[in-house]
Amino acid sequence: MSMDSENIKKQWLLQNEIICICKAIPRKRFMEVIKSGVFSVQEVNRLVGSGKGECRGERCAQRIEALIKEYQHAVGKKEG
């Protein structure tokens, strides 16, 4: 496998990583909402549909918060 196909595979796996296990919502869906400027877990949950499964957000809330912080750090925004 070439380096390019290896990078493509890693990117695909990362984008399709399941963040909300109860609702099987992948990372790419969360990132779409976060990139649009939504920086609260509650609002992300409302727009994406997470936090309404069996665990009521117990499993995904910290992961969503980490995605928000990761994105804000990447674009140089301060938490607000």
N, C-alpha and C. Protein backbone atom coordinates (compact mmCIF):
# COMPACT_ATOMS: atom_id res chain seq x y z
N MET A 1 0.85 -1.18 0.00
CA MET A 1 0.00 0.00 0.00
C MET A 1 0.89 1.24 0.00
N SER A 2 0.60 2.18 -0.85
CA SER A 2 1.40 3.39 -0.91
C SER A 2 1.06 4.31 0.26
N MET A 3 1.91 5.29 0.48
CA MET A 3 1.70 6.24 1.56
C MET A 3 0.38 6.99 1.38
N ASP A 4 0.07 7.35 0.13
CA ASP A 4 -1.16 8.09 -0.13
C ASP A 4 -2.38 7.27 0.25
N SER A 5 -2.41 6.02 -0.14
CA SER A 5 -3.57 5.18 0.18
C SER A 5 -3.63 4.92 1.69
N GLU A 6 -2.50 4.88 2.34
CA GLU A 6 -2.47 4.71 3.79
C GLU A 6 -3.06 5.94 4.48
N ASN A 7 -2.70 7.13 4.00
CA ASN A 7 -3.26 8.37 4.55
C ASN A 7 -4.75 8.47 4.30
N ILE A 8 -5.18 8.07 3.12
CA ILE A 8 -6.61 8.08 2.79
C ILE A 8 -7.37 7.15 3.73
N LYS A 9 -6.81 5.99 3.97
CA LYS A 9 -7.44 5.01 4.87
C LYS A 9 -7.55 5.59 6.29
N LYS A 10 -6.47 6.21 6.78
CA LYS A 10 -6.48 6.80 8.12
C LYS A 10 -7.51 7.91 8.22
N GLN A 11 -7.58 8.78 7.19
CA GLN A 11 -8.56 9.86 7.19
C GLN A 11 -9.98 9.33 7.19
N TRP A 12 -10.23 8.30 6.39
CA TRP A 12 -11.56 7.71 6.32
C TRP A 12 -11.95 7.13 7.68
N LEU A 13 -11.03 6.40 8.29
CA LEU A 13 -11.30 5.81 9.61
C LEU A 13 -11.56 6.89 10.66
N LEU A 14 -10.78 7.96 10.62
CA LEU A 14 -10.95 9.05 11.57
C LEU A 14 -12.31 9.73 11.38
N GLN A 15 -12.67 10.05 10.15
CA GLN A 15 -13.95 10.71 9.87
C GLN A 15 -15.14 9.85 10.26
N ASN A 16 -15.00 8.56 10.12
CA ASN A 16 -16.12 7.66 10.38
C ASN A 16 -16.09 7.02 11.76
N GLU A 17 -15.17 7.49 12.60
CA GLU A 17 -15.12 7.02 13.99
C GLU A 17 -16.45 7.37 14.65
N ILE A 18 -17.04 6.41 15.32
CA ILE A 18 -18.33 6.65 15.99
C ILE A 18 -18.07 7.38 17.31
N ILE A 19 -18.65 8.56 17.44
CA ILE A 19 -18.52 9.36 18.66
C ILE A 19 -19.69 9.07 19.59
N CYS A 20 -20.90 9.07 19.05
CA CYS A 20 -22.10 8.74 19.83
C CYS A 20 -22.44 7.27 19.54
N ILE A 21 -22.13 6.43 20.49
CA ILE A 21 -22.32 4.99 20.31
C ILE A 21 -23.81 4.63 20.25
N CYS A 22 -24.61 5.24 21.11
CA CYS A 22 -26.05 4.91 21.17
C CYS A 22 -26.76 5.16 19.83
N LYS A 23 -26.41 6.27 19.19
CA LYS A 23 -27.08 6.65 17.94
C LYS A 23 -26.21 6.41 16.71
N ALA A 24 -25.01 5.85 16.92
CA ALA A 24 -24.06 5.55 15.83
C ALA A 24 -23.77 6.77 14.96
N ILE A 25 -23.47 7.89 15.61
CA ILE A 25 -23.19 9.13 14.88
C ILE A 25 -21.67 9.28 14.75
N PRO A 26 -21.19 9.43 13.50
CA PRO A 26 -19.75 9.51 13.28
C PRO A 26 -19.17 10.91 13.54
N ARG A 27 -17.88 10.93 13.73
CA ARG A 27 -17.11 12.15 13.97
C ARG A 27 -17.39 13.22 12.92
N LYS A 28 -17.48 12.83 11.65
CA LYS A 28 -17.66 13.83 10.59
C LYS A 28 -18.94 14.64 10.77
N ARG A 29 -19.99 14.05 11.30
CA ARG A 29 -21.24 14.79 11.54
C ARG A 29 -21.05 15.83 12.64
N PHE A 30 -20.34 15.45 13.70
CA PHE A 30 -20.06 16.39 14.77
C PHE A 30 -19.20 17.54 14.26
N MET A 31 -18.20 17.22 13.45
CA MET A 31 -17.29 18.24 12.95
C MET A 31 -17.99 19.23 12.02
N GLU A 32 -18.97 18.77 11.27
CA GLU A 32 -19.75 19.69 10.42
C GLU A 32 -20.41 20.77 11.26
N VAL A 33 -21.00 20.35 12.37
CA VAL A 33 -21.71 21.29 13.25
C VAL A 33 -20.72 22.20 13.98
N ILE A 34 -19.63 21.62 14.48
CA ILE A 34 -18.64 22.41 15.19
C ILE A 34 -18.00 23.44 14.26
N LYS A 35 -17.69 23.04 13.04
CA LYS A 35 -17.08 23.97 12.07
C LYS A 35 -18.04 25.11 11.70
N SER A 36 -19.33 24.91 11.90
CA SER A 36 -20.29 25.97 11.60
C SER A 36 -20.34 27.01 12.72
N GLY A 37 -19.61 26.76 13.82
CA GLY A 37 -19.54 27.73 14.90
C GLY A 37 -20.28 27.36 16.17
N VAL A 38 -20.69 26.13 16.30
CA VAL A 38 -21.40 25.68 17.51
C VAL A 38 -20.37 25.11 18.48
N PHE A 39 -20.25 25.74 19.66
CA PHE A 39 -19.20 25.35 20.60
C PHE A 39 -19.70 24.90 21.97
N SER A 40 -20.97 24.54 22.10
CA SER A 40 -21.45 23.99 23.37
C SER A 40 -21.94 22.56 23.12
N VAL A 41 -21.65 21.70 24.06
CA VAL A 41 -22.05 20.29 23.94
C VAL A 41 -23.56 20.19 23.79
N GLN A 42 -24.30 20.98 24.54
CA GLN A 42 -25.76 20.92 24.50
C GLN A 42 -26.29 21.28 23.11
N GLU A 43 -25.73 22.32 22.53
CA GLU A 43 -26.19 22.75 21.20
C GLU A 43 -25.77 21.73 20.13
N VAL A 44 -24.57 21.20 20.26
CA VAL A 44 -24.13 20.15 19.32
C VAL A 44 -25.08 18.97 19.42
N ASN A 45 -25.41 18.56 20.64
CA ASN A 45 -26.35 17.44 20.84
C ASN A 45 -27.69 17.73 20.17
N ARG A 46 -28.18 18.94 20.34
CA ARG A 46 -29.48 19.30 19.77
C ARG A 46 -29.46 19.20 18.25
N LEU A 47 -28.38 19.69 17.64
CA LEU A 47 -28.31 19.72 16.19
C LEU A 47 -27.96 18.37 15.56
N VAL A 48 -27.15 17.58 16.26
CA VAL A 48 -26.69 16.30 15.72
C VAL A 48 -27.63 15.16 16.10
N GLY A 49 -28.28 15.28 17.25
CA GLY A 49 -29.16 14.21 17.70
C GLY A 49 -28.53 13.29 18.73
N SER A 50 -27.34 13.65 19.17
CA SER A 50 -26.67 12.86 20.20
C SER A 50 -27.22 13.26 21.57
N GLY A 51 -26.86 12.48 22.59
CA GLY A 51 -27.31 12.78 23.94
C GLY A 51 -28.72 12.33 24.23
N LYS A 52 -29.35 11.65 23.27
CA LYS A 52 -30.73 11.20 23.44
C LYS A 52 -30.86 9.68 23.43
N GLY A 53 -29.72 9.02 23.46
CA GLY A 53 -29.74 7.56 23.42
C GLY A 53 -29.86 6.97 24.80
N GLU A 54 -29.56 5.72 24.89
CA GLU A 54 -29.70 4.97 26.14
C GLU A 54 -28.89 5.59 27.28
N CYS A 55 -27.70 6.11 26.99
CA CYS A 55 -26.83 6.64 28.05
C CYS A 55 -27.08 8.10 28.36
N ARG A 56 -27.93 8.77 27.57
CA ARG A 56 -28.25 10.19 27.78
C ARG A 56 -27.00 11.08 27.73
N GLY A 57 -26.05 10.73 26.88
CA GLY A 57 -24.85 11.55 26.70
C GLY A 57 -23.70 11.23 27.63
N GLU A 58 -23.88 10.25 28.50
CA GLU A 58 -22.81 9.90 29.45
C GLU A 58 -21.53 9.47 28.73
N ARG A 59 -21.67 8.76 27.63
CA ARG A 59 -20.49 8.25 26.91
C ARG A 59 -19.90 9.25 25.94
N CYS A 60 -20.72 10.08 25.33
CA CYS A 60 -20.20 10.93 24.26
C CYS A 60 -19.93 12.38 24.66
N ALA A 61 -20.46 12.85 25.76
CA ALA A 61 -20.30 14.27 26.12
C ALA A 61 -18.83 14.68 26.21
N GLN A 62 -18.01 13.88 26.85
CA GLN A 62 -16.59 14.21 26.97
C GLN A 62 -15.89 14.17 25.62
N ARG A 63 -16.29 13.26 24.77
CA ARG A 63 -15.69 13.17 23.44
C ARG A 63 -16.08 14.37 22.59
N ILE A 64 -17.33 14.82 22.72
CA ILE A 64 -17.78 16.00 21.99
C ILE A 64 -17.03 17.24 22.48
N GLU A 65 -16.91 17.35 23.78
CA GLU A 65 -16.17 18.47 24.37
C GLU A 65 -14.72 18.49 23.86
N ALA A 66 -14.11 17.32 23.77
CA ALA A 66 -12.74 17.22 23.26
C ALA A 66 -12.66 17.64 21.79
N LEU A 67 -13.66 17.27 20.99
CA LEU A 67 -13.68 17.68 19.58
C LEU A 67 -13.79 19.19 19.46
N ILE A 68 -14.62 19.80 20.29
CA ILE A 68 -14.79 21.25 20.27
C ILE A 68 -13.46 21.93 20.61
N LYS A 69 -12.82 21.48 21.68
CA LYS A 69 -11.54 22.08 22.10
C LYS A 69 -10.47 21.86 21.05
N GLU A 70 -10.43 20.67 20.48
CA GLU A 70 -9.46 20.35 19.43
C GLU A 70 -9.64 21.28 18.23
N TYR A 71 -10.88 21.50 17.84
CA TYR A 71 -11.15 22.38 16.70
C TYR A 71 -10.78 23.83 17.03
N GLN A 72 -11.19 24.29 18.21
CA GLN A 72 -10.88 25.67 18.60
C GLN A 72 -9.37 25.89 18.65
N HIS A 73 -8.65 24.91 19.16
CA HIS A 73 -7.19 25.02 19.21
C HIS A 73 -6.61 25.06 17.80
N ALA A 74 -7.13 24.24 16.93
CA ALA A 74 -6.62 24.15 15.56
C ALA A 74 -6.83 25.46 14.79
N VAL A 75 -7.92 26.15 15.06
CA VAL A 75 -8.19 27.40 14.35
C VAL A 75 -7.78 28.64 15.14
N GLY A 76 -7.23 28.40 16.32
CA GLY A 76 -6.71 29.51 17.13
C GLY A 76 -7.76 30.31 17.84
N LYS A 77 -8.91 29.72 18.10
CA LYS A 77 -9.97 30.43 18.83
C LYS A 77 -9.86 30.14 20.31
N LYS A 78 -10.18 31.12 21.10
CA LYS A 78 -10.20 30.92 22.54
C LYS A 78 -11.58 30.44 22.96
N GLU A 79 -11.59 29.64 24.01
CA GLU A 79 -12.88 29.17 24.53
C GLU A 79 -13.66 30.35 25.07
N GLY A 80 -14.96 30.29 24.86
CA GLY A 80 -15.75 31.42 25.31
C GLY A 80 -17.00 31.06 25.93
